[in-house]
């Protein structure tokens, strides 16, 4: 039951906040202008559905390209991280090889 009060309170707060914000002239004018633009766009795309479909397809293609590029970048970064993880072992092996190659004076006898 407390969940329903929370949601109701959030909705009521949002409505009160919207009403109070309309007391400001600039906010009211901006809201009216934005609403008119949105209405004009809805009417335009309702009449030109083909154009809306093309625009949506372009946005989907752009999003897919971003996804592919991001995936490739993540894979490249993961590969570089693996390379960096291998560096300490490589350095340690080189150190061991160099150490075994060095002949110490006490071993010469």
C-alpha atoms as a PDB file:
ATOM      1  CA  UNK A   1       0.000   0.000   0.000  1.00  0.00           C
ATOM      2  CA  UNK A   2       2.906   2.367   0.674  1.00  0.00           C
ATOM      3  CA  UNK A   3       4.036   1.940  -2.931  1.00  0.00           C
ATOM      4  CA  UNK A   4       0.742   3.301  -4.229  1.00  0.00           C
ATOM      5  CA  UNK A   5       1.088   6.330  -1.933  1.00  0.00           C
ATOM      6  CA  UNK A   6       4.594   6.942  -3.206  1.00  0.00           C
ATOM      7  CA  UNK A   7       3.540   6.884  -6.850  1.00  0.00           C
ATOM      8  CA  UNK A   8       0.504   9.050  -6.131  1.00  0.00           C
ATOM      9  CA  UNK A   9       2.678  11.528  -4.237  1.00  0.00           C
ATOM     10  CA  UNK A  10       5.232  11.701  -7.047  1.00  0.00           C
ATOM     11  CA  UNK A  11       2.499  12.306  -9.635  1.00  0.00           C
ATOM     12  CA  UNK A  12       0.836  14.938  -7.445  1.00  0.00           C
ATOM     13  CA  UNK A  13       4.191  16.655  -6.882  1.00  0.00           C
ATOM     14  CA  UNK A  14       4.904  16.697 -10.604  1.00  0.00           C
ATOM     15  CA  UNK A  15       1.496  18.213 -11.343  1.00  0.00           C
ATOM     16  CA  UNK A  16       1.882  20.861  -8.647  1.00  0.00           C
ATOM     17  CA  UNK A  17       5.385  21.648  -9.874  1.00  0.00           C
ATOM     18  CA  UNK A  18       4.147  22.033 -13.452  1.00  0.00           C
ATOM     19  CA  UNK A  19       1.343  24.347 -12.349  1.00  0.00           C
ATOM     20  CA  UNK A  20       3.670  26.490 -10.235  1.00  0.00           C
ATOM     21  CA  UNK A  21       6.204  26.733 -13.060  1.00  0.00           C
ATOM     22  CA  UNK A  22       3.483  28.137 -15.337  1.00  0.00           C
ATOM     23  CA  UNK A  23       3.360  31.284 -13.195  1.00  0.00           C
ATOM     24  CA  UNK A  24       6.613  32.352 -14.862  1.00  0.00           C
ATOM     25  CA  UNK A  25       5.873  34.151 -18.156  1.00  0.00           C
ATOM     26  CA  UNK A  26       8.966  32.888 -20.026  1.00  0.00           C
ATOM     27  CA  UNK A  27       8.316  29.314 -18.985  1.00  0.00           C
ATOM     28  CA  UNK A  28       4.670  29.589 -20.002  1.00  0.00           C
ATOM     29  CA  UNK A  29       5.558  31.091 -23.401  1.00  0.00           C
ATOM     30  CA  UNK A  30       8.251  28.485 -24.026  1.00  0.00           C
ATOM     31  CA  UNK A  31       5.871  25.666 -23.080  1.00  0.00           C
ATOM     32  CA  UNK A  32       3.152  27.003 -25.384  1.00  0.00           C
ATOM     33  CA  UNK A  33       5.650  27.378 -28.249  1.00  0.00           C
ATOM     34  CA  UNK A  34       7.075  23.878 -27.720  1.00  0.00           C
ATOM     35  CA  UNK A  35       3.570  22.403 -27.567  1.00  0.00           C
ATOM     36  CA  UNK A  36       2.601  24.122 -30.831  1.00  0.00           C
ATOM     37  CA  UNK A  37       5.766  22.826 -32.545  1.00  0.00           C
ATOM     38  CA  UNK A  38       5.089  19.311 -31.298  1.00  0.00           C
ATOM     39  CA  UNK A  39       1.489  19.500 -32.525  1.00  0.00           C
ATOM     40  CA  UNK A  40       2.645  20.748 -35.937  1.00  0.00           C
ATOM     41  CA  UNK A  41       5.137  17.885 -36.198  1.00  0.00           C
ATOM     42  CA  UNK A  42       2.522  15.302 -35.254  1.00  0.00           C
ATOM     43  CA  UNK A  43       0.131  16.676 -37.869  1.00  0.00           C
ATOM     44  CA  UNK A  44       2.900  16.832 -40.505  1.00  0.00           C
ATOM     45  CA  UNK A  45       4.097  13.272 -39.918  1.00  0.00           C
ATOM     46  CA  UNK A  46       0.514  12.003 -39.740  1.00  0.00           C
ATOM     47  CA  UNK A  47       0.104  13.277 -43.304  1.00  0.00           C
ATOM     48  CA  UNK A  48       3.622  12.210 -44.438  1.00  0.00           C
ATOM     49  CA  UNK A  49       4.028   8.749 -42.979  1.00  0.00           C
ATOM     50  CA  UNK A  50       6.609   7.715 -45.584  1.00  0.00           C
ATOM     51  CA  UNK A  51       8.893  10.516 -44.490  1.00  0.00           C
ATOM     52  CA  UNK A  52       8.425   9.518 -40.857  1.00  0.00           C
ATOM     53  CA  UNK A  53       9.284   5.926 -41.706  1.00  0.00           C
ATOM     54  CA  UNK A  54      12.431   7.021 -43.566  1.00  0.00           C
ATOM     55  CA  UNK A  55      13.493   9.217 -40.656  1.00  0.00           C
ATOM     56  CA  UNK A  56      12.984   6.349 -38.198  1.00  0.00           C
ATOM     57  CA  UNK A  57      14.957   3.977 -40.425  1.00  0.00           C
ATOM     58  CA  UNK A  58      17.820   6.493 -40.598  1.00  0.00           C
ATOM     59  CA  UNK A  59      17.831   6.844 -36.819  1.00  0.00           C
ATOM     60  CA  UNK A  60      17.833   3.060 -36.402  1.00  0.00           C
ATOM     61  CA  UNK A  61      20.733   2.714 -38.857  1.00  0.00           C
ATOM     62  CA  UNK A  62      22.676   5.412 -37.026  1.00  0.00           C
ATOM     63  CA  UNK A  63      22.048   3.671 -33.705  1.00  0.00           C
ATOM     64  CA  UNK A  64      23.191   0.350 -35.184  1.00  0.00           C
ATOM     65  CA  UNK A  65      26.401   1.948 -36.478  1.00  0.00           C
ATOM     66  CA  UNK A  66      27.062   3.436 -33.063  1.00  0.00           C
ATOM     67  CA  UNK A  67      26.476   0.011 -31.494  1.00  0.00           C
ATOM     68  CA  UNK A  68      28.856  -1.707 -33.922  1.00  0.00           C
ATOM     69  CA  UNK A  69      31.544   0.960 -33.454  1.00  0.00           C
ATOM     70  CA  UNK A  70      31.189   0.811 -29.694  1.00  0.00           C
ATOM     71  CA  UNK A  71      31.416  -2.980 -29.728  1.00  0.00           C
ATOM     72  CA  UNK A  72      34.551  -2.841 -31.870  1.00  0.00           C
ATOM     73  CA  UNK A  73      36.097  -0.249 -29.561  1.00  0.00           C
ATOM     74  CA  UNK A  74      35.279  -2.325 -26.492  1.00  0.00           C
ATOM     75  CA  UNK A  75      36.829  -5.412 -28.097  1.00  0.00           C
ATOM     76  CA  UNK A  76      39.971  -3.451 -29.011  1.00  0.00           C
ATOM     77  CA  UNK A  77      40.244  -2.085 -25.479  1.00  0.00           C
ATOM     78  CA  UNK A  78      39.760  -5.559 -24.003  1.00  0.00           C
ATOM     79  CA  UNK A  79      42.507  -6.867 -26.279  1.00  0.00           C
ATOM     80  CA  UNK A  80      44.876  -4.108 -25.183  1.00  0.00           C
ATOM     81  CA  UNK A  81      44.080  -4.826 -21.543  1.00  0.00           C
ATOM     82  CA  UNK A  82      44.988  -8.477 -22.076  1.00  0.00           C
ATOM     83  CA  UNK A  83      48.268  -7.388 -23.675  1.00  0.00           C
ATOM     84  CA  UNK A  84      49.016  -5.139 -20.707  1.00  0.00           C
ATOM     85  CA  UNK A  85      48.228  -7.983 -18.305  1.00  0.00           C
ATOM     86  CA  UNK A  86      50.822 -10.140 -20.084  1.00  0.00           C
ATOM     87  CA  UNK A  87      53.596  -7.547 -19.737  1.00  0.00           C
ATOM     88  CA  UNK A  88      54.583  -8.377 -16.126  1.00  0.00           C
ATOM     89  CA  UNK A  89      54.947 -12.087 -16.908  1.00  0.00           C
ATOM     90  CA  UNK A  90      56.972 -11.252 -19.998  1.00  0.00           C
ATOM     91  CA  UNK A  91      59.250  -8.952 -18.025  1.00  0.00           C
ATOM     92  CA  UNK A  92      59.653 -11.569 -15.303  1.00  0.00           C
ATOM     93  CA  UNK A  93      60.580 -14.236 -17.873  1.00  0.00           C
ATOM     94  CA  UNK A  94      63.091 -11.886 -19.509  1.00  0.00           C
ATOM     95  CA  UNK A  95      64.587 -11.140 -16.110  1.00  0.00           C
ATOM     96  CA  UNK A  96      64.927 -14.857 -15.324  1.00  0.00           C
ATOM     97  CA  UNK A  97      66.553 -15.533 -18.698  1.00  0.00           C
ATOM     98  CA  UNK A  98      68.958 -12.633 -18.257  1.00  0.00           C
ATOM     99  CA  UNK A  99      69.773 -13.744 -14.732  1.00  0.00           C
ATOM    100  CA  UNK A 100      70.557 -17.273 -15.886  1.00  0.00           C
ATOM    101  CA  UNK A 101      72.777 -15.910 -18.689  1.00  0.00           C
ATOM    102  CA  UNK A 102      74.871 -13.820 -16.323  1.00  0.00           C
ATOM    103  CA  UNK A 103      77.841 -15.700 -14.987  1.00  0.00           C
ATOM    104  CA  UNK A 104      78.590 -14.610 -11.465  1.00  0.00           C
ATOM    105  CA  UNK A 105      82.251 -14.515 -10.297  1.00  0.00           C
ATOM    106  CA  UNK A 106      81.693 -17.157  -7.601  1.00  0.00           C
ATOM    107  CA  UNK A 107      80.502 -19.619 -10.267  1.00  0.00           C
ATOM    108  CA  UNK A 108      83.731 -19.271 -12.254  1.00  0.00           C
ATOM    109  CA  UNK A 109      85.788 -21.394  -9.833  1.00  0.00           C
END
